[in-house]
Amino acid sequence: GNAVILKGGSEALASNLALAGLLREALETSDLPADAAQ
């Protein structure tokens, strides 16, 4: 039931951006706030 801000390392930025995109899409399609995982 929390919101989360994710700050990964610079060495994994491209990987993390790709995974964060999936998180946002899954939240939006489940009628939950997309900003709950940034």
Full PDB file with SEQRES, HELIX, SHEET, SSBOND, CRYST1, ORIGX, SCALE, CONECT and MASTER records, all heavy atoms in Angstrom:
SEQRES   1 A   38  GLY ASN ALA VAL ILE LEU LYS GLY GLY SER GLU ALA LEU          
SEQRES   2 A   38  ALA SER ASN LEU ALA LEU ALA GLY LEU LEU ARG GLU ALA          
SEQRES   3 A   38  LEU GLU THR SER ASP LEU PRO ALA ASP ALA ALA GLN              
HELIX    1 AA1 SER A   10  ALA A   12  5                                   3    
HELIX    2 AA2 LEU A   13  GLU A   28  1                                  16    
HELIX    3 AA3 ALA A   34  ALA A   36  5                                   3    
CRYST1    1.000    1.000    1.000  90.00  90.00  90.00 P 1           1          
ORIGX1      1.000000  0.000000  0.000000        0.00000                         
ORIGX2      0.000000  1.000000  0.000000        0.00000                         
ORIGX3      0.000000  0.000000  1.000000        0.00000                         
SCALE1      1.000000  0.000000  0.000000        0.00000                         
SCALE2      0.000000  1.000000  0.000000        0.00000                         
SCALE3      0.000000  0.000000  1.000000        0.00000                         
ATOM      1  N   GLY A   1       0.775  -1.222   0.000  1.00  0.00           N  
ATOM      2  CA  GLY A   1       0.000   0.000   0.000  1.00  0.00           C  
ATOM      3  C   GLY A   1       0.810   1.276   0.000  1.00  0.00           C  
ATOM      4  O   GLY A   1       0.262   2.353   0.281  1.00  0.00           O  
ATOM      5  N   ASN A   2       2.087   1.194  -0.328  1.00  0.00           N  
ATOM      6  CA  ASN A   2       2.956   2.371  -0.346  1.00  0.00           C  
ATOM      7  C   ASN A   2       3.134   2.896  -1.764  1.00  0.00           C  
ATOM      8  O   ASN A   2       2.828   2.216  -2.746  1.00  0.00           O  
ATOM      9  CB  ASN A   2       4.343   2.015   0.205  1.00  0.00           C  
ATOM     10  CG  ASN A   2       4.286   1.468   1.607  1.00  0.00           C  
ATOM     11  OD1 ASN A   2       4.023   2.176   2.555  1.00  0.00           O  
ATOM     12  ND2 ASN A   2       4.530   0.151   1.756  1.00  0.00           N  
ATOM     13  N   ALA A   3       3.673   4.111  -1.867  1.00  0.00           N  
ATOM     14  CA  ALA A   3       4.262   4.591  -3.111  1.00  0.00           C  
ATOM     15  C   ALA A   3       5.776   4.477  -2.974  1.00  0.00           C  
ATOM     16  O   ALA A   3       6.311   4.500  -1.860  1.00  0.00           O  
ATOM     17  CB  ALA A   3       3.859   6.031  -3.377  1.00  0.00           C  
ATOM     18  N   VAL A   4       6.469   4.372  -4.108  1.00  0.00           N  
ATOM     19  CA  VAL A   4       7.916   4.164  -4.048  1.00  0.00           C  
ATOM     20  C   VAL A   4       8.618   5.030  -5.086  1.00  0.00           C  
ATOM     21  O   VAL A   4       8.148   5.171  -6.219  1.00  0.00           O  
ATOM     22  CB  VAL A   4       8.278   2.671  -4.237  1.00  0.00           C  
ATOM     23  CG1 VAL A   4       7.836   2.156  -5.603  1.00  0.00           C  
ATOM     24  CG2 VAL A   4       9.768   2.433  -4.030  1.00  0.00           C  
ATOM     25  N   ILE A   5       9.712   5.641  -4.651  1.00  0.00           N  
ATOM     26  CA  ILE A   5      10.627   6.349  -5.546  1.00  0.00           C  
ATOM     27  C   ILE A   5      11.882   5.499  -5.648  1.00  0.00           C  
ATOM     28  O   ILE A   5      12.482   5.127  -4.641  1.00  0.00           O  
ATOM     29  CB  ILE A   5      10.963   7.749  -4.999  1.00  0.00           C  
ATOM     30  CG1 ILE A   5       9.698   8.618  -4.958  1.00  0.00           C  
ATOM     31  CG2 ILE A   5      12.039   8.412  -5.851  1.00  0.00           C  
ATOM     32  CD1 ILE A   5       9.908   9.949  -4.254  1.00  0.00           C  
ATOM     33  N   LEU A   6      12.294   5.199  -6.870  1.00  0.00           N  
ATOM     34  CA  LEU A   6      13.398   4.284  -7.124  1.00  0.00           C  
ATOM     35  C   LEU A   6      14.574   5.049  -7.705  1.00  0.00           C  
ATOM     36  O   LEU A   6      14.446   5.728  -8.731  1.00  0.00           O  
ATOM     37  CB  LEU A   6      12.954   3.198  -8.101  1.00  0.00           C  
ATOM     38  CG  LEU A   6      11.748   2.355  -7.648  1.00  0.00           C  
ATOM     39  CD1 LEU A   6      11.022   1.768  -8.850  1.00  0.00           C  
ATOM     40  CD2 LEU A   6      12.189   1.267  -6.695  1.00  0.00           C  
ATOM     41  N   LYS A   7      15.721   4.963  -7.032  1.00  0.00           N  
ATOM     42  CA  LYS A   7      16.942   5.612  -7.540  1.00  0.00           C  
ATOM     43  C   LYS A   7      18.017   4.553  -7.688  1.00  0.00           C  
ATOM     44  O   LYS A   7      18.673   4.142  -6.736  1.00  0.00           O  
ATOM     45  CB  LYS A   7      17.411   6.707  -6.578  1.00  0.00           C  
ATOM     46  CG  LYS A   7      18.775   7.336  -6.947  1.00  0.00           C  
ATOM     47  CD  LYS A   7      18.721   8.062  -8.278  1.00  0.00           C  
ATOM     48  CE  LYS A   7      20.055   8.760  -8.590  1.00  0.00           C  
ATOM     49  NZ  LYS A   7      21.079   7.786  -9.076  1.00  0.00           N  
ATOM     50  N   GLY A   8      18.154   4.025  -8.904  1.00  0.00           N  
ATOM     51  CA  GLY A   8      19.160   3.013  -9.166  1.00  0.00           C  
ATOM     52  C   GLY A   8      20.500   3.635  -9.486  1.00  0.00           C  
ATOM     53  O   GLY A   8      20.646   4.859  -9.608  1.00  0.00           O  
ATOM     54  N   GLY A   9      21.501   2.780  -9.660  1.00  0.00           N  
ATOM     55  CA  GLY A   9      22.842   3.244  -9.979  1.00  0.00           C  
ATOM     56  C   GLY A   9      22.961   3.666 -11.430  1.00  0.00           C  
ATOM     57  O   GLY A   9      22.213   3.214 -12.305  1.00  0.00           O  
ATOM     58  N   SER A  10      23.931   4.531 -11.706  1.00  0.00           N  
ATOM     59  CA  SER A  10      24.126   5.031 -13.065  1.00  0.00           C  
ATOM     60  C   SER A  10      24.463   3.900 -14.035  1.00  0.00           C  
ATOM     61  O   SER A  10      24.108   3.961 -15.216  1.00  0.00           O  
ATOM     62  CB  SER A  10      25.252   6.073 -13.075  1.00  0.00           C  
ATOM     63  OG  SER A  10      26.465   5.514 -12.587  1.00  0.00           O  
ATOM     64  N   GLU A  11      25.114   2.852 -13.530  1.00  0.00           N  
ATOM     65  CA  GLU A  11      25.517   1.747 -14.406  1.00  0.00           C  
ATOM     66  C   GLU A  11      24.325   0.950 -14.937  1.00  0.00           C  
ATOM     67  O   GLU A  11      24.449   0.218 -15.917  1.00  0.00           O  
ATOM     68  CB  GLU A  11      26.483   0.812 -13.667  1.00  0.00           C  
ATOM     69  CG  GLU A  11      25.859  -0.007 -12.547  1.00  0.00           C  
ATOM     70  CD  GLU A  11      25.713   0.760 -11.236  1.00  0.00           C  
ATOM     71  OE1 GLU A  11      25.943   1.978 -11.224  1.00  0.00           O  
ATOM     72  OE2 GLU A  11      25.361   0.127 -10.224  1.00  0.00           O  
ATOM     73  N   ALA A  12      23.148   1.078 -14.317  1.00  0.00           N  
ATOM     74  CA  ALA A  12      21.965   0.303 -14.711  1.00  0.00           C  
ATOM     75  C   ALA A  12      20.839   1.187 -15.220  1.00  0.00           C  
ATOM     76  O   ALA A  12      19.685   0.749 -15.262  1.00  0.00           O  
ATOM     77  CB  ALA A  12      21.478  -0.535 -13.529  1.00  0.00           C  
ATOM     78  N   LEU A  13      21.131   2.414 -15.622  1.00  0.00           N  
ATOM     79  CA  LEU A  13      20.071   3.370 -15.929  1.00  0.00           C  
ATOM     80  C   LEU A  13      19.168   2.895 -17.064  1.00  0.00           C  
ATOM     81  O   LEU A  13      17.931   2.974 -16.963  1.00  0.00           O  
ATOM     82  CB  LEU A  13      20.678   4.738 -16.270  1.00  0.00           C  
ATOM     83  CG  LEU A  13      19.670   5.872 -16.489  1.00  0.00           C  
ATOM     84  CD1 LEU A  13      18.781   6.060 -15.271  1.00  0.00           C  
ATOM     85  CD2 LEU A  13      20.405   7.176 -16.824  1.00  0.00           C  
ATOM     86  N   ALA A  14      19.734   2.396 -18.149  1.00  0.00           N  
ATOM     87  CA  ALA A  14      18.905   1.955 -19.273  1.00  0.00           C  
ATOM     88  C   ALA A  14      18.014   0.777 -18.870  1.00  0.00           C  
ATOM     89  O   ALA A  14      16.824   0.735 -19.209  1.00  0.00           O  
ATOM     90  CB  ALA A  14      19.787   1.578 -20.458  1.00  0.00           C  
ATOM     91  N   SER A  15      18.578  -0.171 -18.138  1.00  0.00           N  
ATOM     92  CA  SER A  15      17.790  -1.322 -17.667  1.00  0.00           C  
ATOM     93  C   SER A  15      16.654  -0.866 -16.768  1.00  0.00           C  
ATOM     94  O   SER A  15      15.500  -1.319 -16.901  1.00  0.00           O  
ATOM     95  CB  SER A  15      18.689  -2.292 -16.901  1.00  0.00           C  
ATOM     96  OG  SER A  15      19.809  -2.686 -17.659  1.00  0.00           O  
ATOM     97  N   ASN A  16      16.965   0.029 -15.842  1.00  0.00           N  
ATOM     98  CA  ASN A  16      15.957   0.483 -14.889  1.00  0.00           C  
ATOM     99  C   ASN A  16      14.852   1.287 -15.562  1.00  0.00           C  
ATOM    100  O   ASN A  16      13.674   1.177 -15.190  1.00  0.00           O  
ATOM    101  CB  ASN A  16      16.618   1.312 -13.784  1.00  0.00           C  
ATOM    102  CG  ASN A  16      17.434   0.455 -12.844  1.00  0.00           C  
ATOM    103  OD1 ASN A  16      17.176  -0.733 -12.683  1.00  0.00           O  
ATOM    104  ND2 ASN A  16      18.443   1.045 -12.221  1.00  0.00           N  
ATOM    105  N   LEU A  17      15.212   2.103 -16.543  1.00  0.00           N  
ATOM    106  CA  LEU A  17      14.193   2.852 -17.277  1.00  0.00           C  
ATOM    107  C   LEU A  17      13.244   1.913 -18.007  1.00  0.00           C  
ATOM    108  O   LEU A  17      12.024   2.136 -18.036  1.00  0.00           O  
ATOM    109  CB  LEU A  17      14.854   3.820 -18.256  1.00  0.00           C  
ATOM    110  CG  LEU A  17      15.492   5.074 -17.630  1.00  0.00           C  
ATOM    111  CD1 LEU A  17      16.343   5.803 -18.666  1.00  0.00           C  
ATOM    112  CD2 LEU A  17      14.407   6.006 -17.076  1.00  0.00           C  
ATOM    113  N   ALA A  18      13.789   0.859 -18.595  1.00  0.00           N  
ATOM    114  CA  ALA A  18      12.939  -0.114 -19.290  1.00  0.00           C  
ATOM    115  C   ALA A  18      11.995  -0.806 -18.318  1.00  0.00           C  
ATOM    116  O   ALA A  18      10.792  -0.973 -18.602  1.00  0.00           O  
ATOM    117  CB  ALA A  18      13.814  -1.142 -20.012  1.00  0.00           C  
ATOM    118  N   LEU A  19      12.490  -1.207 -17.152  1.00  0.00           N  
ATOM    119  CA  LEU A  19      11.645  -1.873 -16.163  1.00  0.00           C  
ATOM    120  C   LEU A  19      10.630  -0.909 -15.565  1.00  0.00           C  
ATOM    121  O   LEU A  19       9.465  -1.291 -15.317  1.00  0.00           O  
ATOM    122  CB  LEU A  19      12.524  -2.470 -15.063  1.00  0.00           C  
ATOM    123  CG  LEU A  19      13.395  -3.646 -15.499  1.00  0.00           C  
ATOM    124  CD1 LEU A  19      14.438  -3.969 -14.434  1.00  0.00           C  
ATOM    125  CD2 LEU A  19      12.545  -4.879 -15.800  1.00  0.00           C  
ATOM    126  N   ALA A  20      11.034   0.352 -15.345  1.00  0.00           N  
ATOM    127  CA  ALA A  20      10.099   1.337 -14.799  1.00  0.00           C  
ATOM    128  C   ALA A  20       8.952   1.601 -15.761  1.00  0.00           C  
ATOM    129  O   ALA A  20       7.813   1.860 -15.332  1.00  0.00           O  
ATOM    130  CB  ALA A  20      10.835   2.641 -14.488  1.00  0.00           C  
ATOM    131  N   GLY A  21       9.229   1.541 -17.048  1.00  0.00           N  
ATOM    132  CA  GLY A  21       8.155   1.695 -18.033  1.00  0.00           C  
ATOM    133  C   GLY A  21       7.108   0.596 -17.899  1.00  0.00           C  
ATOM    134  O   GLY A  21       5.894   0.848 -18.037  1.00  0.00           O  
ATOM    135  N   LEU A  22       7.550  -0.624 -17.628  1.00  0.00           N  
ATOM    136  CA  LEU A  22       6.607  -1.725 -17.425  1.00  0.00           C  
ATOM    137  C   LEU A  22       5.798  -1.527 -16.149  1.00  0.00           C  
ATOM    138  O   LEU A  22       4.596  -1.820 -16.117  1.00  0.00           O  
ATOM    139  CB  LEU A  22       7.364  -3.057 -17.362  1.00  0.00           C  
ATOM    140  CG  LEU A  22       8.214  -3.427 -18.579  1.00  0.00           C  
ATOM    141  CD1 LEU A  22       8.770  -4.840 -18.420  1.00  0.00           C  
ATOM    142  CD2 LEU A  22       7.422  -3.301 -19.868  1.00  0.00           C  
ATOM    143  N   LEU A  23       6.444  -1.031 -15.100  1.00  0.00           N  
ATOM    144  CA  LEU A  23       5.722  -0.753 -13.851  1.00  0.00           C  
ATOM    145  C   LEU A  23       4.614   0.270 -14.089  1.00  0.00           C  
ATOM    146  O   LEU A  23       3.469   0.079 -13.641  1.00  0.00           O  
ATOM    147  CB  LEU A  23       6.692  -0.209 -12.793  1.00  0.00           C  
ATOM    148  CG  LEU A  23       7.589  -1.215 -12.081  1.00  0.00           C  
ATOM    149  CD1 LEU A  23       8.692  -0.486 -11.326  1.00  0.00           C  
ATOM    150  CD2 LEU A  23       6.761  -2.071 -11.120  1.00  0.00           C  
ATOM    151  N   ARG A  24       4.939   1.329 -14.771  1.00  0.00           N  
ATOM    152  CA  ARG A  24       3.962   2.386 -15.017  1.00  0.00           C  
ATOM    153  C   ARG A  24       2.791   1.869 -15.853  1.00  0.00           C  
ATOM    154  O   ARG A  24       1.620   2.153 -15.556  1.00  0.00           O  
ATOM    155  CB  ARG A  24       4.643   3.564 -15.713  1.00  0.00           C  
ATOM    156  CG  ARG A  24       3.784   4.820 -15.758  1.00  0.00           C  
ATOM    157  CD  ARG A  24       4.565   6.017 -16.292  1.00  0.00           C  
ATOM    158  NE  ARG A  24       3.782   7.240 -16.121  1.00  0.00           N  
ATOM    159  CZ  ARG A  24       3.842   8.014 -15.061  1.00  0.00           C  
ATOM    160  NH1 ARG A  24       4.664   7.691 -14.057  1.00  0.00           N  
ATOM    161  NH2 ARG A  24       3.095   9.103 -14.970  1.00  0.00           N  
ATOM    162  N   GLU A  25       3.094   1.101 -16.873  1.00  0.00           N  
ATOM    163  CA  GLU A  25       2.031   0.560 -17.724  1.00  0.00           C  
ATOM    164  C   GLU A  25       1.123  -0.381 -16.934  1.00  0.00           C  
ATOM    165  O   GLU A  25      -0.108  -0.335 -17.068  1.00  0.00           O  
ATOM    166  CB  GLU A  25       2.633  -0.171 -18.920  1.00  0.00           C  
ATOM    167  CG  GLU A  25       1.589  -0.746 -19.871  1.00  0.00           C  
ATOM    168  CD  GLU A  25       2.193  -1.379 -21.109  1.00  0.00           C  
ATOM    169  OE1 GLU A  25       3.366  -1.069 -21.438  1.00  0.00           O  
ATOM    170  OE2 GLU A  25       1.493  -2.194 -21.755  1.00  0.00           O  
ATOM    171  N   ALA A  26       1.708  -1.224 -16.106  1.00  0.00           N  
ATOM    172  CA  ALA A  26       0.898  -2.162 -15.317  1.00  0.00           C  
ATOM    173  C   ALA A  26       0.020  -1.427 -14.307  1.00  0.00           C  
ATOM    174  O   ALA A  26      -1.132  -1.822 -14.063  1.00  0.00           O  
ATOM    175  CB  ALA A  26       1.807  -3.160 -14.604  1.00  0.00           C  
ATOM    176  N   LEU A  27       0.527  -0.360 -13.712  1.00  0.00           N  
ATOM    177  CA  LEU A  27      -0.286   0.437 -12.780  1.00  0.00           C  
ATOM    178  C   LEU A  27      -1.457   1.092 -13.503  1.00  0.00           C  
ATOM    179  O   LEU A  27      -2.607   1.051 -13.035  1.00  0.00           O  
ATOM    180  CB  LEU A  27       0.583   1.501 -12.108  1.00  0.00           C  
ATOM    181  CG  LEU A  27       1.523   1.008 -11.009  1.00  0.00           C  
ATOM    182  CD1 LEU A  27       2.593   2.057 -10.702  1.00  0.00           C  
ATOM    183  CD2 LEU A  27       0.748   0.661  -9.742  1.00  0.00           C  
ATOM    184  N   GLU A  28      -1.178   1.705 -14.640  1.00  0.00           N  
ATOM    185  CA  GLU A  28      -2.227   2.413 -15.375  1.00  0.00           C  
ATOM    186  C   GLU A  28      -3.328   1.473 -15.825  1.00  0.00           C  
ATOM    187  O   GLU A  28      -4.516   1.806 -15.739  1.00  0.00           O  
ATOM    188  CB  GLU A  28      -1.619   3.133 -16.583  1.00  0.00           C  
ATOM    189  CG  GLU A  28      -0.772   4.347 -16.202  1.00  0.00           C  
ATOM    190  CD  GLU A  28      -0.063   4.958 -17.390  1.00  0.00           C  
ATOM    191  OE1 GLU A  28       0.164   4.224 -18.384  1.00  0.00           O  
ATOM    192  OE2 GLU A  28       0.276   6.150 -17.324  1.00  0.00           O  
ATOM    193  N   THR A  29      -2.968   0.289 -16.294  1.00  0.00           N  
ATOM    194  CA  THR A  29      -3.982  -0.648 -16.780  1.00  0.00           C  
ATOM    195  C   THR A  29      -4.718  -1.347 -15.648  1.00  0.00           C  
ATOM    196  O   THR A  29      -5.679  -2.072 -15.893  1.00  0.00           O  
ATOM    197  CB  THR A  29      -3.341  -1.698 -17.704  1.00  0.00           C  
ATOM    198  OG1 THR A  29      -2.300  -2.383 -16.990  1.00  0.00           O  
ATOM    199  CG2 THR A  29      -2.754  -1.048 -18.952  1.00  0.00           C  
ATOM    200  N   SER A  30      -4.280  -1.128 -14.404  1.00  0.00           N  
ATOM    201  CA  SER A  30      -4.959  -1.703 -13.235  1.00  0.00           C  
ATOM    202  C   SER A  30      -5.695  -0.631 -12.428  1.00  0.00           C  
ATOM    203  O   SER A  30      -6.112  -0.878 -11.303  1.00  0.00           O  
ATOM    204  CB  SER A  30      -3.934  -2.419 -12.342  1.00  0.00           C  
ATOM    205  OG  SER A  30      -3.212  -3.376 -13.066  1.00  0.00           O  
ATOM    206  N   ASP A  31      -5.833   0.571 -13.024  1.00  0.00           N  
ATOM    207  CA  ASP A  31      -6.540   1.684 -12.380  1.00  0.00           C  
ATOM    208  C   ASP A  31      -5.911   2.086 -11.053  1.00  0.00           C  
ATOM    209  O   ASP A  31      -6.608   2.495 -10.120  1.00  0.00           O  
ATOM    210  CB  ASP A  31      -8.035   1.352 -12.179  1.00  0.00           C  
ATOM    211  CG  ASP A  31      -8.761   1.183 -13.503  1.00  0.00           C  
ATOM    212  OD1 ASP A  31      -8.439   1.931 -14.456  1.00  0.00           O  
ATOM    213  OD2 ASP A  31      -9.641   0.309 -13.598  1.00  0.00           O  
ATOM    214  N   LEU A  32      -4.602   1.987 -10.993  1.00  0.00           N  
ATOM    215  CA  LEU A  32      -3.846   2.491  -9.849  1.00  0.00           C  
ATOM    216  C   LEU A  32      -2.992   3.663 -10.324  1.00  0.00           C  
ATOM    217  O   LEU A  32      -2.657   3.745 -11.511  1.00  0.00           O  
ATOM    218  CB  LEU A  32      -2.950   1.389  -9.264  1.00  0.00           C  
ATOM    219  CG  LEU A  32      -3.684   0.211  -8.611  1.00  0.00           C  
ATOM    220  CD1 LEU A  32      -2.695  -0.886  -8.232  1.00  0.00           C  
ATOM    221  CD2 LEU A  32      -4.473   0.661  -7.392  1.00  0.00           C  
ATOM    222  N   PRO A  33      -2.621   4.588  -9.430  1.00  0.00           N  
ATOM    223  CA  PRO A  33      -1.883   5.768  -9.876  1.00  0.00           C  
ATOM    224  C   PRO A  33      -0.499   5.424 -10.414  1.00  0.00           C  
ATOM    225  O   PRO A  33       0.296   4.768  -9.732  1.00  0.00           O  
ATOM    226  CB  PRO A  33      -1.791   6.622  -8.610  1.00  0.00           C  
ATOM    227  CG  PRO A  33      -1.994   5.682  -7.477  1.00  0.00           C  
ATOM    228  CD  PRO A  33      -2.912   4.613  -7.979  1.00  0.00           C  
ATOM    229  N   ALA A  34      -0.211   5.867 -11.625  1.00  0.00           N  
ATOM    230  CA  ALA A  34       1.081   5.567 -12.234  1.00  0.00           C  
ATOM    231  C   ALA A  34       2.236   6.158 -11.432  1.00  0.00           C  
ATOM    232  O   ALA A  34       3.341   5.607 -11.419  1.00  0.00           O  
ATOM    233  CB  ALA A  34       1.119   6.100 -13.668  1.00  0.00           C  
ATOM    234  N   ASP A  35       1.973   7.271 -10.731  1.00  0.00           N  
ATOM    235  CA  ASP A  35       3.032   7.904  -9.945  1.00  0.00           C  
ATOM    236  C   ASP A  35       3.337   7.168  -8.644  1.00  0.00           C  
ATOM    237  O   ASP A  35       4.199   7.609  -7.873  1.00  0.00           O  
ATOM    238  CB  ASP A  35       2.648   9.351  -9.630  1.00  0.00           C  
ATOM    239  CG  ASP A  35       2.700  10.240 -10.860  1.00  0.00           C  
ATOM    240  OD1 ASP A  35       3.502   9.946 -11.769  1.00  0.00           O  
ATOM    241  OD2 ASP A  35       1.944  11.230 -10.914  1.00  0.00           O  
ATOM    242  N   ALA A  36       2.672   6.053  -8.402  1.00  0.00           N  
ATOM    243  CA  ALA A  36       2.973   5.256  -7.207  1.00  0.00           C  
ATOM    244  C   ALA A  36       4.329   4.584  -7.314  1.00  0.00           C  
ATOM    245  O   ALA A  36       4.905   4.182  -6.290  1.00  0.00           O  
ATOM    246  CB  ALA A  36       1.891   4.215  -6.965  1.00  0.00           C  
ATOM    247  N   ALA A  37       4.855   4.441  -8.537  1.00  0.00           N  
ATOM    248  CA  ALA A  37       6.201   3.879  -8.730  1.00  0.00           C  
ATOM    249  C   ALA A  37       6.930   4.751  -9.735  1.00  0.00           C  
ATOM    250  O   ALA A  37       6.602   4.737 -10.921  1.00  0.00           O  
ATOM    251  CB  ALA A  37       6.138   2.436  -9.207  1.00  0.00           C  
ATOM    252  N   GLN A  38       7.888   5.535  -9.259  1.00  0.00           N  
ATOM    253  CA  GLN A  38       8.628   6.450 -10.122  1.00  0.00           C  
ATOM    254  C   GLN A  38      10.123   6.157 -10.038  1.00  0.00           C  
ATOM    255  O   GLN A  38      10.651   5.925  -8.945  1.00  0.00           O  
ATOM    256  CB  GLN A  38       8.388   7.895  -9.685  1.00  0.00           C  
ATOM    257  CG  GLN A  38       6.933   8.344  -9.736  1.00  0.00           C  
ATOM    258  CD  GLN A  38       6.792   9.754  -9.199  1.00  0.00           C  
ATOM    259  OE1 GLN A  38       7.159  10.732  -9.860  1.00  0.00           O  
ATOM    260  NE2 GLN A  38       6.268   9.877  -7.991  1.00  0.00           N  
TER     261      GLN A  38                                                      
MASTER        0    0    0    3    0    0    0    6  260    1    0    3          
END                                                                             
